[in-house]
């Protein structure tokens, strides 16, 4: 019995990786078993094992804390576009690798404009209202600087939760209804209180707009996914057209595969299967929308195309990320306000339009070459 308990304690110590430092307590516990009764020996063995487990858990927790602290990325030096009083203001220059802060806007509706060729194009009107920087902080998990931006001052402070009121009071910024954080590069950080206007954008640039889509409620597969239905008396369904287009051989193989899967497990519902359910009410991002016009008096931004959401909904506007990969987010030769526009907006023209197309661009109303040669 004594030798068995000693061997068990030694195995436990080796399994926990505690080394020879716990061999003495294990031996002492095994030696005390000879002078004690069987219940007392069992109790002593359980107490020793519990103490070993507690020490091992404490060691593991300490190791995890040390590892977590060592994994935190150090914050790179941030550059602010304002002087701290000890020297001149740093001169920030935009580069294709720079990432600027975004804007929070309100969708005001849709209208139409005429482009350089005289075509009528649909545009969405976005308004920038009370957009202001709340704070800039470093986010350790992502290793990026985050600029917290608020927009739309409420008519009364009673609609703002009290913790948020203390947050705004801490940074001496008027309360805002909407708060969004934007990841930026260290050279695009902004101090607290900087106002963001429509002049932050450049006419002719491309932006990504994110908003919550209109909720449609519970809908069927025809409205939700565009299903064509089965055979009807006035035409052929889309599914039969698609099967006929891919060929009879491939259609038969697909039909046989579906039948085999149904026979194997008739109650199986595969993930992602298109079925009736709730439609809309989710965040969606529309990429590469061109800024057609900017109104500096009313802080209006006209973007070409549609934007998700209802009227007066909050939208998140950022520089086009995919266009920036190929250095086409801004027009060639454009002066990008970096990190944002810090001048006097009243000195700007009321309306700024996108630059005209480059020379050599084909007129959409001109005749095709094949028509001319014919």
Protein backbone atom coordinates (compact mmCIF):
# COMPACT_ATOMS: atom_id res chain seq x y z
CA UNK A 1 0.00 0.00 0.00
CA UNK A 2 2.79 2.40 0.92
CA UNK A 3 4.77 1.73 -2.26
CA UNK A 4 1.63 2.05 -4.39
CA UNK A 5 0.76 5.50 -3.01
CA UNK A 6 4.32 6.71 -3.41
CA UNK A 7 4.41 5.62 -7.05
CA UNK A 8 1.06 7.32 -7.72
CA UNK A 9 2.30 10.62 -6.26
CA UNK A 10 5.48 10.46 -8.29
CA UNK A 11 3.52 9.85 -11.49
CA UNK A 12 1.21 12.76 -10.71
CA UNK A 13 4.18 15.05 -10.08
CA UNK A 14 5.83 14.02 -13.36
CA UNK A 15 2.55 14.44 -15.29
CA UNK A 16 2.04 17.95 -13.97
CA UNK A 17 5.60 18.85 -14.92
CA UNK A 18 6.50 20.00 -11.42
CA UNK A 19 9.80 18.13 -11.26
CA UNK A 20 11.59 16.81 -8.21
CA UNK A 21 10.47 19.71 -6.03
CA UNK A 22 7.30 17.81 -5.13
CA UNK A 23 8.93 14.42 -4.61
CA UNK A 24 9.62 15.18 -0.91
CA UNK A 25 5.99 16.00 -0.04
CA UNK A 26 4.88 12.87 -1.87
CA UNK A 27 7.38 10.69 0.02
CA UNK A 28 6.42 12.26 3.33
CA UNK A 29 2.78 11.62 2.64
CA UNK A 30 3.53 8.00 1.74
CA UNK A 31 5.59 7.53 4.92
CA UNK A 32 2.79 8.89 7.05
CA UNK A 33 0.41 6.32 5.63
CA UNK A 34 2.06 3.49 7.60
CA UNK A 35 1.26 5.13 10.92
CA UNK A 36 -2.28 6.07 10.03
CA UNK A 37 -5.40 4.10 9.41
CA UNK A 38 -6.82 3.41 5.95
CA UNK A 39 -9.42 6.29 5.97
CA UNK A 40 -6.82 8.75 7.23
CA UNK A 41 -4.40 7.60 4.55
CA UNK A 42 -7.01 8.09 1.84
CA UNK A 43 -7.79 11.59 3.17
CA UNK A 44 -4.10 12.53 3.22
CA UNK A 45 -3.66 11.25 -0.32
CA UNK A 46 -6.64 13.29 -1.59
CA UNK A 47 -5.37 16.43 0.18
CA UNK A 48 -1.91 16.05 -1.33
CA UNK A 49 -3.37 15.51 -4.81
CA UNK A 50 -5.61 18.56 -4.44
CA UNK A 51 -2.68 20.71 -3.38
CA UNK A 52 -0.72 19.50 -6.41
CA UNK A 53 -3.59 20.38 -8.75
CA UNK A 54 -4.04 23.84 -7.17
CA UNK A 55 -0.33 24.60 -7.55
CA UNK A 56 -0.37 23.41 -11.16
CA UNK A 57 -3.46 25.52 -11.96
CA UNK A 58 -1.83 28.61 -10.42
CA UNK A 59 1.32 28.01 -12.44
CA UNK A 60 -0.67 27.62 -15.66
CA UNK A 61 -2.67 30.79 -14.98
CA UNK A 62 0.49 32.77 -14.31
CA UNK A 63 2.05 31.45 -17.50
CA UNK A 64 -1.04 32.43 -19.49
CA UNK A 65 -0.99 35.95 -18.07
CA UNK A 66 2.70 36.37 -18.89
CA UNK A 67 2.15 34.98 -22.39
CA UNK A 68 -0.84 37.28 -22.98
CA UNK A 69 1.12 40.33 -21.87
CA UNK A 70 4.06 39.39 -24.03
CA UNK A 71 1.79 39.04 -27.07
CA UNK A 72 0.49 42.63 -26.82
CA UNK A 73 1.85 44.64 -29.71
CA UNK A 74 3.58 47.89 -28.78
CA UNK A 75 1.86 51.00 -30.07
CA UNK A 76 3.75 52.64 -32.95
CA UNK A 77 4.35 56.37 -32.56
CA UNK A 78 1.25 58.28 -33.61
CA UNK A 79 1.42 61.52 -35.58
CA UNK A 80 -1.15 64.24 -35.01
CA UNK A 81 -1.65 67.07 -37.53
CA UNK A 82 -1.49 69.73 -34.82
CA UNK A 83 1.35 71.20 -32.83
CA UNK A 84 1.61 70.45 -29.12
CA UNK A 85 3.07 73.88 -28.43
CA UNK A 86 6.68 72.74 -28.25
CA UNK A 87 7.36 72.77 -31.97
CA UNK A 88 5.90 73.26 -35.43
CA UNK A 89 2.96 71.25 -36.64
CA UNK A 90 3.99 68.05 -38.42
CA UNK A 91 3.49 68.01 -42.16
CA UNK A 92 1.43 64.97 -43.07
CA UNK A 93 1.48 63.71 -46.64
CA UNK A 94 -0.88 61.15 -48.08
CA UNK A 95 0.56 57.93 -49.50
CA UNK A 96 -1.20 54.96 -51.11
CA UNK A 97 -0.47 52.97 -47.92
CA UNK A 98 -2.22 55.53 -45.71
CA UNK A 99 -5.67 54.85 -44.37
CA UNK A 100 -7.78 57.85 -43.43
CA UNK A 101 -10.66 58.15 -41.01
CA UNK A 102 -14.19 57.71 -42.35
CA UNK A 103 -17.38 59.72 -41.99
CA UNK A 104 -20.80 59.11 -40.47
CA UNK A 105 -23.60 60.35 -42.71
CA UNK A 106 -27.36 60.30 -43.03
CA UNK A 107 -29.07 58.95 -46.12
CA UNK A 108 -31.40 61.70 -47.32
CA UNK A 109 -32.79 60.01 -50.43
CA UNK A 110 -32.11 59.54 -54.13
CA UNK A 111 -32.22 61.85 -57.13
CA UNK A 112 -30.65 62.04 -60.57
CA UNK A 113 -27.90 64.11 -62.19
CA UNK A 114 -26.48 64.44 -65.69
CA UNK A 115 -22.92 63.36 -66.38
CA UNK A 116 -20.41 64.80 -68.86
CA UNK A 117 -22.04 62.99 -71.78
CA UNK A 118 -25.56 64.13 -70.95
CA UNK A 119 -26.69 60.81 -69.52
CA UNK A 120 -29.01 60.82 -66.52
CA UNK A 121 -27.44 58.85 -63.68
CA UNK A 122 -29.02 57.90 -60.31
CA UNK A 123 -27.31 59.33 -57.22
CA UNK A 124 -27.83 58.99 -53.47
CA UNK A 125 -27.61 62.09 -51.29
CA UNK A 126 -25.69 61.66 -48.02
CA UNK A 127 -25.46 64.44 -45.44
CA UNK A 128 -22.71 64.86 -42.85
CA UNK A 129 -24.25 66.20 -39.62
CA UNK A 130 -22.24 67.17 -36.49
CA UNK A 131 -19.46 64.71 -37.31
CA UNK A 132 -16.66 65.08 -34.75
CA UNK A 133 -13.71 63.08 -33.41
CA UNK A 134 -14.27 61.85 -29.85
CA UNK A 135 -10.91 60.20 -29.18
CA UNK A 136 -8.03 58.23 -30.69
CA UNK A 137 -6.70 55.10 -29.00
CA UNK A 138 -4.55 52.09 -29.81
CA UNK A 139 -6.28 48.71 -30.13
CA UNK A 140 -3.81 46.06 -28.97
CA UNK A 141 -5.53 42.92 -30.34
CA UNK A 142 -5.51 44.29 -33.90
CA UNK A 143 -2.38 46.40 -33.56
CA UNK A 144 -4.06 49.45 -35.11
CA UNK A 145 -5.03 52.93 -34.10
CA UNK A 146 -8.78 53.52 -33.86
CA UNK A 147 -10.42 56.92 -34.27
CA UNK A 148 -13.77 57.14 -32.51
CA UNK A 149 -16.18 59.42 -34.39
CA UNK A 150 -19.59 60.66 -33.26
CA UNK A 151 -22.37 62.30 -35.25
CA UNK A 152 -25.78 63.98 -34.84
CA UNK A 153 -26.17 65.89 -31.60
CA UNK A 154 -29.45 65.03 -29.79
CA UNK A 155 -32.05 67.63 -28.93
CA UNK A 156 -31.96 66.53 -25.29
CA UNK A 157 -29.35 64.72 -23.19
CA UNK A 158 -32.06 62.50 -21.71
CA UNK A 159 -31.98 60.22 -24.76
CA UNK A 160 -28.28 59.42 -24.21
CA UNK A 161 -27.37 56.73 -21.64
CA UNK A 162 -25.61 58.10 -18.57
CA UNK A 163 -22.37 56.09 -19.10
CA UNK A 164 -22.07 57.61 -22.57
CA UNK A 165 -22.67 61.09 -21.14
CA UNK A 166 -19.75 60.59 -18.77
CA UNK A 167 -17.69 59.35 -21.73
CA UNK A 168 -18.39 62.52 -23.71
CA UNK A 169 -17.79 64.67 -20.63
CA UNK A 170 -14.40 63.01 -20.14
CA UNK A 171 -13.26 64.04 -23.63
CA UNK A 172 -15.16 67.37 -23.59
CA UNK A 173 -17.17 66.60 -26.71
CA UNK A 174 -20.91 67.30 -27.15
CA UNK A 175 -23.06 64.15 -26.84
CA UNK A 176 -23.67 62.28 -30.07
CA UNK A 177 -26.38 59.87 -31.11
CA UNK A 178 -24.12 57.61 -33.22
CA UNK A 179 -20.56 56.45 -32.50
CA UNK A 180 -18.38 54.46 -34.92
CA UNK A 181 -14.68 53.56 -34.75
CA UNK A 182 -12.47 53.65 -37.85
CA UNK A 183 -9.06 51.92 -38.10
CA UNK A 184 -6.35 54.30 -39.33
CA UNK A 185 -2.62 54.28 -39.88
CA UNK A 186 -0.37 56.03 -37.32
CA UNK A 187 0.10 59.01 -39.65
CA UNK A 188 -3.69 59.57 -39.90
CA UNK A 189 -4.52 59.93 -36.19
CA UNK A 190 -6.67 62.89 -35.18
CA UNK A 191 -6.95 64.69 -31.83
CA UNK A 192 -10.15 65.03 -29.88
CA UNK A 193 -12.63 67.63 -31.08
CA UNK A 194 -11.68 67.81 -34.77
CA UNK A 195 -14.76 68.37 -36.94
CA UNK A 196 -15.20 66.24 -40.06
CA UNK A 197 -17.09 67.73 -42.99
CA UNK A 198 -17.95 66.83 -46.56
CA UNK A 199 -14.66 68.46 -47.63
CA UNK A 200 -12.95 65.37 -46.21
CA UNK A 201 -13.84 63.62 -49.48
CA UNK A 202 -12.57 64.40 -52.98
CA UNK A 203 -14.94 64.74 -55.97
CA UNK A 204 -14.33 61.83 -58.30
CA UNK A 205 -13.00 59.45 -55.66
CA UNK A 206 -14.51 56.05 -54.84
CA UNK A 207 -15.98 55.23 -51.43
CA UNK A 208 -17.41 52.22 -49.61
CA UNK A 209 -20.77 52.81 -47.91
CA UNK A 210 -22.09 50.50 -45.18
CA UNK A 211 -25.60 50.60 -43.73
CA UNK A 212 -28.41 48.36 -42.49
CA UNK A 213 -30.71 47.11 -45.22
CA UNK A 214 -34.46 47.58 -45.16
CA UNK A 215 -36.20 44.84 -43.19
CA UNK A 216 -38.68 42.81 -45.25
CA UNK A 217 -39.86 40.41 -42.55
CA UNK A 218 -40.53 36.72 -43.17
CA UNK A 219 -40.44 36.05 -46.92
CA UNK A 220 -40.56 33.04 -49.20
CA UNK A 221 -37.82 31.79 -51.48
CA UNK A 222 -39.19 33.59 -54.55
CA UNK A 223 -38.79 37.03 -53.00
CA UNK A 224 -35.80 36.17 -50.82
CA UNK A 225 -33.66 34.31 -53.38
CA UNK A 226 -35.41 34.86 -56.70
CA UNK A 227 -36.65 31.32 -57.26
CA UNK A 228 -38.57 30.74 -60.48
CA UNK A 229 -41.12 28.20 -59.30
CA UNK A 230 -42.18 24.94 -60.97
CA UNK A 231 -43.90 24.28 -64.30
CA UNK A 232 -46.71 26.66 -65.13
CA UNK A 233 -49.12 27.08 -68.01
CA UNK A 234 -47.49 30.29 -69.26
CA UNK A 235 -43.82 29.41 -69.62
CA UNK A 236 -40.92 27.35 -68.33
CA UNK A 237 -39.33 27.90 -64.92
CA UNK A 238 -35.80 29.19 -64.47
CA UNK A 239 -34.62 25.90 -63.00
CA UNK A 240 -35.62 23.98 -66.15
CA UNK A 241 -33.97 26.56 -68.35
CA UNK A 242 -30.74 26.25 -66.38
CA UNK A 243 -30.88 22.45 -66.61
CA UNK A 244 -31.42 22.64 -70.36
CA UNK A 245 -28.56 25.09 -70.82
CA UNK A 246 -25.97 22.88 -69.13
CA UNK A 247 -26.80 19.90 -71.31
CA UNK A 248 -28.86 16.75 -70.91
CA UNK A 249 -25.92 14.64 -69.71
CA UNK A 250 -24.92 17.00 -66.93
CA UNK A 251 -28.54 17.56 -65.98
CA UNK A 252 -29.14 13.83 -65.59
CA UNK A 253 -26.01 13.49 -63.47
CA UNK A 254 -27.09 16.34 -61.23
CA UNK A 255 -30.59 14.91 -60.89
CA UNK A 256 -29.21 11.47 -60.00
CA UNK A 257 -26.87 12.98 -57.41
CA UNK A 258 -29.71 14.86 -55.76
CA UNK A 259 -31.90 11.76 -55.70
CA UNK A 260 -29.09 9.70 -54.17
CA UNK A 261 -28.48 12.31 -51.47
CA UNK A 262 -32.19 12.41 -50.64
CA UNK A 263 -32.39 8.62 -50.42
CA UNK A 264 -29.29 8.41 -48.20
CA UNK A 265 -30.59 10.91 -45.62
CA UNK A 266 -34.06 12.30 -46.38
CA UNK A 267 -34.12 14.37 -43.17
CA UNK A 268 -30.79 16.11 -43.77
CA UNK A 269 -30.84 19.88 -44.29
CA UNK A 270 -27.51 21.14 -45.59
CA UNK A 271 -26.04 24.35 -44.24
CA UNK A 272 -26.75 27.31 -46.46
CA UNK A 273 -29.86 25.75 -47.98
CA UNK A 274 -32.09 28.47 -49.39
CA UNK A 275 -35.32 28.37 -47.44
CA UNK A 276 -37.97 30.86 -46.33
CA UNK A 277 -36.96 33.14 -43.48
CA UNK A 278 -36.35 36.69 -42.37
CA UNK A 279 -35.18 38.98 -45.13
CA UNK A 280 -33.26 42.24 -44.72
CA UNK A 281 -32.30 44.08 -41.57
CA UNK A 282 -28.59 43.17 -41.84
CA UNK A 283 -25.45 45.22 -42.45
CA UNK A 284 -24.36 45.41 -46.06
CA UNK A 285 -21.49 47.28 -47.73
CA UNK A 286 -21.67 48.69 -51.24
CA UNK A 287 -18.17 49.14 -52.62
CA UNK A 288 -16.67 51.46 -55.22
CA UNK A 289 -19.34 54.17 -55.35
CA UNK A 290 -18.12 57.27 -57.16
CA UNK A 291 -18.48 60.68 -55.50
CA UNK A 292 -20.14 62.76 -58.22
CA UNK A 293 -20.65 66.07 -56.39
CA UNK A 294 -20.02 67.68 -53.00
CA UNK A 295 -22.02 70.56 -51.52
CA UNK A 296 -19.84 72.40 -48.97
CA UNK A 297 -22.65 74.62 -47.68
CA UNK A 298 -25.06 71.88 -46.60
CA UNK A 299 -22.38 69.15 -46.23
CA UNK A 300 -23.98 66.96 -48.89
CA UNK A 301 -22.21 64.14 -50.72
CA UNK A 302 -23.70 62.80 -53.96
CA UNK A 303 -22.59 59.24 -54.72
CA UNK A 304 -23.50 57.39 -57.87
CA UNK A 305 -25.72 54.38 -57.34
CA UNK A 306 -27.85 53.02 -54.52
CA UNK A 307 -27.04 52.83 -50.82
CA UNK A 308 -28.71 50.31 -48.47
CA UNK A 309 -31.08 51.49 -45.77
CA UNK A 310 -34.12 53.67 -45.33
CA UNK A 311 -34.12 57.44 -45.48
CA UNK A 312 -32.46 59.24 -42.54
CA UNK A 313 -30.53 56.05 -41.73
CA UNK A 314 -26.94 56.21 -40.51
CA UNK A 315 -24.31 55.22 -43.07
CA UNK A 316 -20.59 54.56 -42.70
CA UNK A 317 -18.47 56.18 -45.43
CA UNK A 318 -14.83 55.21 -46.00
CA UNK A 319 -12.32 55.38 -48.83
CA UNK A 320 -12.71 52.47 -51.25
CA UNK A 321 -10.47 49.69 -49.94
CA UNK A 322 -10.26 47.64 -53.13
CA UNK A 323 -9.56 50.64 -55.33
CA UNK A 324 -6.76 51.65 -52.97
CA UNK A 325 -5.02 48.33 -53.60
CA UNK A 326 -4.44 49.38 -57.22
CA UNK A 327 -4.03 53.09 -56.38
CA UNK A 328 -7.27 54.13 -58.11
CA UNK A 329 -9.33 55.31 -55.13
CA UNK A 330 -8.65 58.98 -55.98
CA UNK A 331 -8.48 60.78 -59.33
CA UNK A 332 -5.02 61.13 -60.80
CA UNK A 333 -3.35 64.34 -59.67
CA UNK A 334 -5.98 65.07 -57.00
CA UNK A 335 -4.98 66.77 -53.74
CA UNK A 336 -6.11 64.46 -50.95
CA UNK A 337 -6.87 66.26 -47.64
CA UNK A 338 -4.76 64.28 -45.21
CA UNK A 339 -5.48 63.27 -42.52
CA UNK A 340 -8.59 65.42 -43.06
CA UNK A 341 -9.58 68.89 -44.24
CA UNK A 342 -8.40 71.34 -41.54
CA UNK A 343 -8.89 74.61 -43.42
CA UNK A 344 -11.76 77.07 -43.66
CA UNK A 345 -14.65 75.39 -45.42
CA UNK A 346 -16.28 78.74 -46.24
CA UNK A 347 -13.38 79.52 -48.57
CA UNK A 348 -14.21 76.51 -50.74
CA UNK A 349 -16.65 76.70 -53.67
CA UNK A 350 -20.19 75.75 -52.85
CA UNK A 351 -20.27 72.80 -55.26
CA UNK A 352 -17.36 70.66 -56.33
CA UNK A 353 -17.88 68.25 -59.23
CA UNK A 354 -15.94 65.22 -60.33
CA UNK A 355 -13.25 65.94 -62.94
CA UNK A 356 -14.16 65.34 -66.59
CA UNK A 357 -13.10 62.09 -68.26
CA UNK A 358 -9.60 61.81 -69.60
CA UNK A 359 -8.83 62.43 -73.24
CA UNK A 360 -9.44 59.44 -75.45
CA UNK A 361 -12.42 58.20 -73.45
CA UNK A 362 -15.08 56.91 -75.81
CA UNK A 363 -18.31 58.85 -76.06
CA UNK A 364 -21.15 56.46 -75.10
CA UNK A 365 -23.40 58.11 -77.72
CA UNK A 366 -20.87 57.69 -80.55
CA UNK A 367 -21.33 54.97 -83.14
CA UNK A 368 -19.39 51.77 -82.77
CA UNK A 369 -16.48 51.06 -85.07
CA UNK A 370 -18.24 48.08 -86.58
CA UNK A 371 -21.15 50.33 -87.51
CA UNK A 372 -18.83 52.84 -89.17
CA UNK A 373 -16.95 50.16 -91.14
CA UNK A 374 -20.20 48.64 -92.30
